[in-house]
Amino acid sequence: MELNEFCKEIEEKSSKIDINLDNEICNKLYNYMNLLLEWNEKINLTAITDEKEIILKHFIDSFTINKFINSGDKMLDIGTGAGFPGLPIKIIRAEVDVFLMDSLNKRINFLNEVIESLQLKNIEAFHSRAEEMAKNNKFREKFDVVTSRAVAKLNILLEYMLPYTKVNGKCLCMKGPNIEEEIKEAEKALKILGGEIEKIEKIILPDSNIERKIIIIRKKSATPLKYPRKAGMPTKEPL
């Protein structure tokens, strides 16, 4: 896909969710896509390789959380994978400090190349499991916004996310359409970890029938220090 075609496609779709992109941002997203496709031949970063699908299912999907992020927020993206949603948010919101976390070092190497290639500032990629970095006072309860896309069921995810979230900060959990059972199963985890569901936003991706839900969780009180439990426990024995 040529740059002009890419810009036309992504600008049209972005405008439908009230996001306006300039030429510099389009260029950065185009270069990001090309690096993603290039690296994907060496390591498994995405199953989506059609360029129009990357625009819709990776970039536009990432942009859907934009309206829940305030200017100057400090944001952590847990289990970022190939950088979604954290990297696209950074590209369109230069003033937001973004931290990307993933447990696979090969993905961190890719993210660092994108960050360097696009000359992005105030963004860092960390190689760590979510359960481990939360014990570090530099990161614990230090983020205004914590995001995660398609990482785990909600009751597991909350144990990863809430320990990093400031009191009165929020978690943005990006999910598919069917979440009723997950929400019911997560009631205990919310209570223990100090969170409360503030809103569930339903989104249809532009020019498609793809439905997404964003679960917005407000951190109401400090998370007890025993959480998260050691690596593997949240998955093995969910709260």
C-alpha atoms as a PDB file:
ATOM      1  CA  MET A   1       0.000   0.000   0.000  1.00  0.00           C
ATOM      2  CA  GLU A   2       1.371   3.414  -0.993  1.00  0.00           C
ATOM      3  CA  LEU A   3       1.554   6.236   1.551  1.00  0.00           C
ATOM      4  CA  ASN A   4      -1.214   8.309  -0.105  1.00  0.00           C
ATOM      5  CA  GLU A   5      -3.651   5.406  -0.105  1.00  0.00           C
ATOM      6  CA  PHE A   6      -2.780   4.578   3.504  1.00  0.00           C
ATOM      7  CA  CYS A   7      -3.331   8.189   4.631  1.00  0.00           C
ATOM      8  CA  LYS A   8      -6.659   8.456   2.834  1.00  0.00           C
ATOM      9  CA  GLU A   9      -7.901   5.189   4.377  1.00  0.00           C
ATOM     10  CA  ILE A  10      -6.801   5.904   7.952  1.00  0.00           C
ATOM     11  CA  GLU A  11      -7.885   9.568   7.887  1.00  0.00           C
ATOM     12  CA  GLU A  12     -11.399   8.645   6.719  1.00  0.00           C
ATOM     13  CA  LYS A  13     -11.840   5.994   9.384  1.00  0.00           C
ATOM     14  CA  SER A  14     -10.280   8.098  12.164  1.00  0.00           C
ATOM     15  CA  SER A  15     -12.581  11.042  11.413  1.00  0.00           C
ATOM     16  CA  LYS A  16     -15.569   8.761  12.057  1.00  0.00           C
ATOM     17  CA  ILE A  17     -14.433   8.383  15.671  1.00  0.00           C
ATOM     18  CA  ASP A  18     -13.623  12.125  15.957  1.00  0.00           C
ATOM     19  CA  ILE A  19      -9.866  11.855  15.519  1.00  0.00           C
ATOM     20  CA  ASN A  20      -8.139  14.093  12.986  1.00  0.00           C
ATOM     21  CA  LEU A  21      -4.694  13.064  11.750  1.00  0.00           C
ATOM     22  CA  ASP A  22      -2.101  15.351  10.170  1.00  0.00           C
ATOM     23  CA  ASN A  23       0.537  14.353   7.584  1.00  0.00           C
ATOM     24  CA  GLU A  24       3.273  13.806  10.173  1.00  0.00           C
ATOM     25  CA  ILE A  25       1.090  11.399  12.183  1.00  0.00           C
ATOM     26  CA  CYS A  26       0.044   9.547   9.009  1.00  0.00           C
ATOM     27  CA  ASN A  27       3.687   9.126   8.047  1.00  0.00           C
ATOM     28  CA  LYS A  28       4.553   7.706  11.462  1.00  0.00           C
ATOM     29  CA  LEU A  29       1.650   5.243  11.407  1.00  0.00           C
ATOM     30  CA  TYR A  30       2.593   4.173   7.865  1.00  0.00           C
ATOM     31  CA  ASN A  31       6.195   3.520   8.922  1.00  0.00           C
ATOM     32  CA  TYR A  32       4.971   1.647  12.013  1.00  0.00           C
ATOM     33  CA  MET A  33       2.791  -0.595   9.818  1.00  0.00           C
ATOM     34  CA  ASN A  34       5.686  -1.357   7.479  1.00  0.00           C
ATOM     35  CA  LEU A  35       8.004  -2.206  10.372  1.00  0.00           C
ATOM     36  CA  LEU A  36       5.277  -4.446  11.817  1.00  0.00           C
ATOM     37  CA  LEU A  37       4.951  -6.354   8.535  1.00  0.00           C
ATOM     38  CA  GLU A  38       8.727  -6.592   8.092  1.00  0.00           C
ATOM     39  CA  TRP A  39       9.343  -7.906  11.623  1.00  0.00           C
ATOM     40  CA  ASN A  40       6.320 -10.190  11.441  1.00  0.00           C
ATOM     41  CA  GLU A  41       8.193 -12.324   8.912  1.00  0.00           C
ATOM     42  CA  LYS A  42      10.846 -13.013  11.577  1.00  0.00           C
ATOM     43  CA  ILE A  43       8.794 -13.164  14.794  1.00  0.00           C
ATOM     44  CA  ASN A  44       5.100 -13.665  15.416  1.00  0.00           C
ATOM     45  CA  LEU A  45       3.682 -10.200  16.129  1.00  0.00           C
ATOM     46  CA  THR A  46       0.268 -10.304  14.476  1.00  0.00           C
ATOM     47  CA  ALA A  47      -2.003 -12.703  12.609  1.00  0.00           C
ATOM     48  CA  ILE A  48      -3.393  -9.701  10.711  1.00  0.00           C
ATOM     49  CA  THR A  49      -1.256  -8.939   7.659  1.00  0.00           C
ATOM     50  CA  ASP A  50      -3.712  -7.280   5.265  1.00  0.00           C
ATOM     51  CA  GLU A  51      -2.941  -3.549   5.340  1.00  0.00           C
ATOM     52  CA  LYS A  52      -6.574  -2.386   5.437  1.00  0.00           C
ATOM     53  CA  GLU A  53      -7.215  -4.798   8.303  1.00  0.00           C
ATOM     54  CA  ILE A  54      -4.160  -3.489  10.183  1.00  0.00           C
ATOM     55  CA  ILE A  55      -5.583   0.034   9.824  1.00  0.00           C
ATOM     56  CA  LEU A  56      -8.988  -1.006  11.166  1.00  0.00           C
ATOM     57  CA  LYS A  57      -8.256  -3.783  13.669  1.00  0.00           C
ATOM     58  CA  HIS A  58      -5.006  -2.446  15.120  1.00  0.00           C
ATOM     59  CA  PHE A  59      -4.781   1.330  14.606  1.00  0.00           C
ATOM     60  CA  ILE A  60      -8.440   2.407  14.666  1.00  0.00           C
ATOM     61  CA  ASP A  61      -9.214  -0.127  17.389  1.00  0.00           C
ATOM     62  CA  SER A  62      -6.389   1.375  19.496  1.00  0.00           C
ATOM     63  CA  PHE A  63      -7.716   4.894  18.872  1.00  0.00           C
ATOM     64  CA  THR A  64     -11.103   4.008  20.409  1.00  0.00           C
ATOM     65  CA  ILE A  65      -9.719   4.578  23.937  1.00  0.00           C
ATOM     66  CA  ASN A  66      -8.365   8.039  23.070  1.00  0.00           C
ATOM     67  CA  LYS A  67     -11.319   9.967  24.509  1.00  0.00           C
ATOM     68  CA  PHE A  68     -10.791   8.393  27.949  1.00  0.00           C
ATOM     69  CA  ILE A  69      -7.200   9.682  28.209  1.00  0.00           C
ATOM     70  CA  ASN A  70      -6.532  13.180  29.522  1.00  0.00           C
ATOM     71  CA  SER A  71      -3.773  15.514  28.420  1.00  0.00           C
ATOM     72  CA  GLY A  72      -0.608  14.853  30.426  1.00  0.00           C
ATOM     73  CA  ASP A  73      -1.710  11.428  31.664  1.00  0.00           C
ATOM     74  CA  LYS A  74       0.879   8.786  32.431  1.00  0.00           C
ATOM     75  CA  MET A  75      -0.235   5.553  30.743  1.00  0.00           C
ATOM     76  CA  LEU A  76       0.838   1.918  31.052  1.00  0.00           C
ATOM     77  CA  ASP A  77      -0.063  -0.681  28.422  1.00  0.00           C
ATOM     78  CA  ILE A  78       0.164  -4.203  29.892  1.00  0.00           C
ATOM     79  CA  GLY A  79       0.776  -7.147  27.545  1.00  0.00           C
ATOM     80  CA  THR A  80       1.271  -4.679  24.716  1.00  0.00           C
ATOM     81  CA  GLY A  81       2.443  -7.290  22.189  1.00  0.00           C
ATOM     82  CA  ALA A  82       3.195  -5.395  18.966  1.00  0.00           C
ATOM     83  CA  GLY A  83       2.345  -2.126  20.737  1.00  0.00           C
ATOM     84  CA  PHE A  84      -1.451  -2.027  20.749  1.00  0.00           C
ATOM     85  CA  PRO A  85      -3.055   0.168  21.995  1.00  0.00           C
ATOM     86  CA  GLY A  86      -0.158   2.084  23.608  1.00  0.00           C
ATOM     87  CA  LEU A  87       1.959   2.938  20.569  1.00  0.00           C
ATOM     88  CA  PRO A  88      -0.829   4.288  18.323  1.00  0.00           C
ATOM     89  CA  ILE A  89      -2.056   6.398  21.267  1.00  0.00           C
ATOM     90  CA  LYS A  90       1.468   7.797  21.729  1.00  0.00           C
ATOM     91  CA  ILE A  91       1.679   8.655  18.017  1.00  0.00           C
ATOM     92  CA  ILE A  92      -1.554  10.674  18.089  1.00  0.00           C
ATOM     93  CA  ARG A  93      -1.066  12.056  21.638  1.00  0.00           C
ATOM     94  CA  ALA A  94       2.531  13.257  21.939  1.00  0.00           C
ATOM     95  CA  GLU A  95       1.842  14.829  25.357  1.00  0.00           C
ATOM     96  CA  VAL A  96       0.899  11.514  27.016  1.00  0.00           C
ATOM     97  CA  ASP A  97       3.757   9.595  28.708  1.00  0.00           C
ATOM     98  CA  VAL A  98       3.479   5.962  27.609  1.00  0.00           C
ATOM     99  CA  PHE A  99       5.027   2.825  29.105  1.00  0.00           C
ATOM    100  CA  LEU A 100       4.727  -0.456  27.195  1.00  0.00           C
ATOM    101  CA  MET A 101       5.133  -3.765  29.020  1.00  0.00           C
ATOM    102  CA  ASP A 102       5.464  -7.240  27.559  1.00  0.00           C
ATOM    103  CA  SER A 103       6.838 -10.546  28.839  1.00  0.00           C
ATOM    104  CA  LEU A 104       8.546 -11.453  25.524  1.00  0.00           C
ATOM    105  CA  ASN A 105      11.885  -9.765  24.901  1.00  0.00           C
ATOM    106  CA  LYS A 106      11.675 -10.184  21.108  1.00  0.00           C
ATOM    107  CA  ARG A 107       8.590  -7.975  21.093  1.00  0.00           C
ATOM    108  CA  ILE A 108      10.383  -5.350  23.210  1.00  0.00           C
ATOM    109  CA  ASN A 109      13.211  -5.297  20.633  1.00  0.00           C
ATOM    110  CA  PHE A 110      10.623  -4.624  17.921  1.00  0.00           C
ATOM    111  CA  LEU A 111       8.955  -1.859  19.970  1.00  0.00           C
ATOM    112  CA  ASN A 112      12.308  -0.194  20.626  1.00  0.00           C
ATOM    113  CA  GLU A 113      13.049  -0.161  16.906  1.00  0.00           C
ATOM    114  CA  VAL A 114       9.673   1.493  16.208  1.00  0.00           C
ATOM    115  CA  ILE A 115      10.247   4.065  18.977  1.00  0.00           C
ATOM    116  CA  GLU A 116      13.718   4.890  17.617  1.00  0.00           C
ATOM    117  CA  SER A 117      12.665   4.898  13.966  1.00  0.00           C
ATOM    118  CA  LEU A 118       9.708   7.230  14.620  1.00  0.00           C
ATOM    119  CA  GLN A 119      11.784   9.378  17.043  1.00  0.00           C
ATOM    120  CA  LEU A 120       9.105   9.181  19.744  1.00  0.00           C
ATOM    121  CA  LYS A 121       9.800  10.885  23.071  1.00  0.00           C
ATOM    122  CA  ASN A 122       8.587  10.069  26.606  1.00  0.00           C
ATOM    123  CA  ILE A 123       7.828   6.450  25.809  1.00  0.00           C
ATOM    124  CA  GLU A 124       9.558   3.338  27.171  1.00  0.00           C
ATOM    125  CA  ALA A 125       9.198  -0.389  26.528  1.00  0.00           C
ATOM    126  CA  PHE A 126       9.823  -2.809  29.428  1.00  0.00           C
ATOM    127  CA  HIS A 127      10.501  -6.523  29.356  1.00  0.00           C
ATOM    128  CA  SER A 128       8.650  -7.844  32.414  1.00  0.00           C
ATOM    129  CA  ARG A 129       5.764  -9.920  33.620  1.00  0.00           C
ATOM    130  CA  ALA A 130       2.975  -7.783  35.056  1.00  0.00           C
ATOM    131  CA  GLU A 131       3.174  -9.620  38.406  1.00  0.00           C
ATOM    132  CA  GLU A 132       6.837  -8.677  38.871  1.00  0.00           C
ATOM    133  CA  MET A 133       7.093  -4.971  38.050  1.00  0.00           C
ATOM    134  CA  ALA A 134       4.130  -4.137  40.303  1.00  0.00           C
ATOM    135  CA  LYS A 135       6.332  -4.831  43.351  1.00  0.00           C
ATOM    136  CA  ASN A 136       8.607  -1.937  42.335  1.00  0.00           C
ATOM    137  CA  ASN A 137       7.658   1.341  44.053  1.00  0.00           C
ATOM    138  CA  LYS A 138       8.688   3.238  40.924  1.00  0.00           C
ATOM    139  CA  PHE A 139       5.691   1.713  39.136  1.00  0.00           C
ATOM    140  CA  ARG A 140       3.192   0.689  41.786  1.00  0.00           C
ATOM    141  CA  GLU A 141       0.092   2.925  41.794  1.00  0.00           C
ATOM    142  CA  LYS A 142       1.916   5.483  39.622  1.00  0.00           C
ATOM    143  CA  PHE A 143      -0.241   5.504  36.467  1.00  0.00           C
ATOM    144  CA  ASP A 144      -3.282   7.631  35.628  1.00  0.00           C
ATOM    145  CA  VAL A 145      -4.380   5.149  32.969  1.00  0.00           C
ATOM    146  CA  VAL A 146      -3.612   1.430  32.623  1.00  0.00           C
ATOM    147  CA  THR A 147      -4.679  -0.289  29.402  1.00  0.00           C
ATOM    148  CA  SER A 148      -4.834  -3.826  28.151  1.00  0.00           C
ATOM    149  CA  ARG A 149      -6.197  -5.366  24.966  1.00  0.00           C
ATOM    150  CA  ALA A 150      -7.175  -9.028  24.652  1.00  0.00           C
ATOM    151  CA  VAL A 151      -4.729 -10.253  27.336  1.00  0.00           C
ATOM    152  CA  ALA A 152      -6.836 -12.304  29.780  1.00  0.00           C
ATOM    153  CA  LYS A 153     -10.257 -12.686  31.365  1.00  0.00           C
ATOM    154  CA  LEU A 154     -11.288  -9.694  33.465  1.00  0.00           C
ATOM    155  CA  ASN A 155     -10.849 -11.298  36.906  1.00  0.00           C
ATOM    156  CA  ILE A 156      -7.229 -12.169  35.972  1.00  0.00           C
ATOM    157  CA  LEU A 157      -6.594  -8.885  34.182  1.00  0.00           C
ATOM    158  CA  LEU A 158      -7.596  -6.783  37.185  1.00  0.00           C
ATOM    159  CA  GLU A 159      -4.878  -8.364  39.309  1.00  0.00           C
ATOM    160  CA  TYR A 160      -2.358  -7.311  36.650  1.00  0.00           C
ATOM    161  CA  MET A 161      -3.724  -3.791  36.109  1.00  0.00           C
ATOM    162  CA  LEU A 162      -5.053  -2.329  39.357  1.00  0.00           C
ATOM    163  CA  PRO A 163      -1.765  -2.533  41.345  1.00  0.00           C
ATOM    164  CA  TYR A 164      -0.247  -0.076  38.813  1.00  0.00           C
ATOM    165  CA  THR A 165      -3.210   2.307  38.794  1.00  0.00           C
ATOM    166  CA  LYS A 166      -3.220   5.434  40.958  1.00  0.00           C
ATOM    167  CA  VAL A 167      -6.116   5.829  43.358  1.00  0.00           C
ATOM    168  CA  ASN A 168      -8.746   7.677  41.312  1.00  0.00           C
ATOM    169  CA  GLY A 169      -6.961   6.606  38.121  1.00  0.00           C
ATOM    170  CA  LYS A 170      -8.595   4.240  35.654  1.00  0.00           C
ATOM    171  CA  CYS A 171      -8.168   0.939  33.860  1.00  0.00           C
ATOM    172  CA  LEU A 172      -9.308   0.668  30.248  1.00  0.00           C
ATOM    173  CA  CYS A 173      -9.971  -2.994  29.447  1.00  0.00           C
ATOM    174  CA  MET A 174     -10.470  -3.529  25.712  1.00  0.00           C
ATOM    175  CA  LYS A 175     -12.735  -6.495  25.057  1.00  0.00           C
ATOM    176  CA  GLY A 176     -14.895  -8.209  22.459  1.00  0.00           C
ATOM    177  CA  PRO A 177     -18.701  -7.968  22.503  1.00  0.00           C
ATOM    178  CA  ASN A 178     -19.629 -10.767  24.957  1.00  0.00           C
ATOM    179  CA  ILE A 179     -18.443  -9.774  28.403  1.00  0.00           C
ATOM    180  CA  GLU A 180     -21.450 -10.328  30.702  1.00  0.00           C
ATOM    181  CA  GLU A 181     -20.086 -13.526  32.258  1.00  0.00           C
ATOM    182  CA  GLU A 182     -16.582 -12.055  32.669  1.00  0.00           C
ATOM    183  CA  ILE A 183     -18.018  -9.049  34.501  1.00  0.00           C
ATOM    184  CA  LYS A 184     -19.976 -11.276  36.872  1.00  0.00           C
ATOM    185  CA  GLU A 185     -16.889 -13.408  37.570  1.00  0.00           C
ATOM    186  CA  ALA A 186     -14.819 -10.270  38.261  1.00  0.00           C
ATOM    187  CA  GLU A 187     -16.993  -8.894  41.097  1.00  0.00           C
ATOM    188  CA  LYS A 188     -14.821 -10.403  43.833  1.00  0.00           C
ATOM    189  CA  ALA A 189     -11.559  -9.225  42.223  1.00  0.00           C
ATOM    190  CA  LEU A 190     -12.901  -5.675  41.912  1.00  0.00           C
ATOM    191  CA  LYS A 191     -13.811  -5.610  45.599  1.00  0.00           C
ATOM    192  CA  ILE A 192     -10.477  -7.039  46.792  1.00  0.00           C
ATOM    193  CA  LEU A 193      -8.267  -4.911  44.524  1.00  0.00           C
ATOM    194  CA  GLY A 194     -10.035  -1.569  45.025  1.00  0.00           C
ATOM    195  CA  GLY A 195     -11.742  -1.080  41.665  1.00  0.00           C
ATOM    196  CA  GLU A 196     -15.262  -0.228  40.525  1.00  0.00           C
ATOM    197  CA  ILE A 197     -16.795  -0.419  37.048  1.00  0.00           C
ATOM    198  CA  GLU A 198     -17.588   3.158  36.056  1.00  0.00           C
ATOM    199  CA  LYS A 199     -18.838   2.593  32.530  1.00  0.00           C
ATOM    200  CA  ILE A 200     -18.982   0.077  29.699  1.00  0.00           C
ATOM    201  CA  GLU A 201     -18.619   1.691  26.287  1.00  0.00           C
ATOM    202  CA  LYS A 202     -19.918  -0.171  23.239  1.00  0.00           C
ATOM    203  CA  ILE A 203     -18.134   0.639  19.976  1.00  0.00           C
ATOM    204  CA  ILE A 204     -18.638  -0.475  16.385  1.00  0.00           C
ATOM    205  CA  LEU A 205     -15.446  -0.018  14.382  1.00  0.00           C
ATOM    206  CA  PRO A 206     -16.069   2.365  11.421  1.00  0.00           C
ATOM    207  CA  ASP A 207     -17.420   0.858   8.161  1.00  0.00           C
ATOM    208  CA  SER A 208     -17.655  -2.604   9.722  1.00  0.00           C
ATOM    209  CA  ASN A 209     -19.865  -4.751  11.932  1.00  0.00           C
ATOM    210  CA  ILE A 210     -17.031  -5.386  14.405  1.00  0.00           C
ATOM    211  CA  GLU A 211     -18.233  -4.689  17.930  1.00  0.00           C
ATOM    212  CA  ARG A 212     -15.943  -3.858  20.827  1.00  0.00           C
ATOM    213  CA  LYS A 213     -16.544  -3.116  24.498  1.00  0.00           C
ATOM    214  CA  ILE A 214     -14.332  -0.906  26.648  1.00  0.00           C
ATOM    215  CA  ILE A 215     -14.700  -1.550  30.373  1.00  0.00           C
ATOM    216  CA  ILE A 216     -13.722   1.575  32.300  1.00  0.00           C
ATOM    217  CA  ILE A 217     -12.739   0.778  35.876  1.00  0.00           C
ATOM    218  CA  ARG A 218     -12.104   3.510  38.442  1.00  0.00           C
ATOM    219  CA  LYS A 219      -9.555   2.819  41.186  1.00  0.00           C
ATOM    220  CA  LYS A 220     -11.358   3.695  44.416  1.00  0.00           C
ATOM    221  CA  SER A 221      -8.869   2.541  47.049  1.00  0.00           C
ATOM    222  CA  ALA A 222      -5.283   1.294  47.346  1.00  0.00           C
ATOM    223  CA  THR A 223      -4.657  -2.297  46.286  1.00  0.00           C
ATOM    224  CA  PRO A 224      -3.460  -4.509  49.182  1.00  0.00           C
ATOM    225  CA  LEU A 225       0.310  -5.075  48.958  1.00  0.00           C
ATOM    226  CA  LYS A 226      -0.045  -8.848  48.638  1.00  0.00           C
ATOM    227  CA  TYR A 227      -1.411  -8.315  45.103  1.00  0.00           C
ATOM    228  CA  PRO A 228      -0.461  -9.187  42.473  1.00  0.00           C
ATOM    229  CA  ARG A 229       0.481 -12.633  43.669  1.00  0.00           C
ATOM    230  CA  LYS A 230       3.612 -14.323  42.276  1.00  0.00           C
ATOM    231  CA  ALA A 231       3.935 -15.034  38.540  1.00  0.00           C
ATOM    232  CA  GLY A 232       1.382 -17.500  37.239  1.00  0.00           C
ATOM    233  CA  MET A 233      -0.914 -17.407  40.283  1.00  0.00           C
ATOM    234  CA  PRO A 234      -3.505 -14.942  38.910  1.00  0.00           C
ATOM    235  CA  THR A 235      -4.069 -17.266  35.960  1.00  0.00           C
ATOM    236  CA  LYS A 236      -3.933 -20.503  37.949  1.00  0.00           C
ATOM    237  CA  GLU A 237      -6.184 -19.328  40.782  1.00  0.00           C
ATOM    238  CA  PRO A 238      -8.171 -16.252  39.684  1.00  0.00           C
ATOM    239  CA  LEU A 239      -9.670 -14.133  42.458  1.00  0.00           C
END
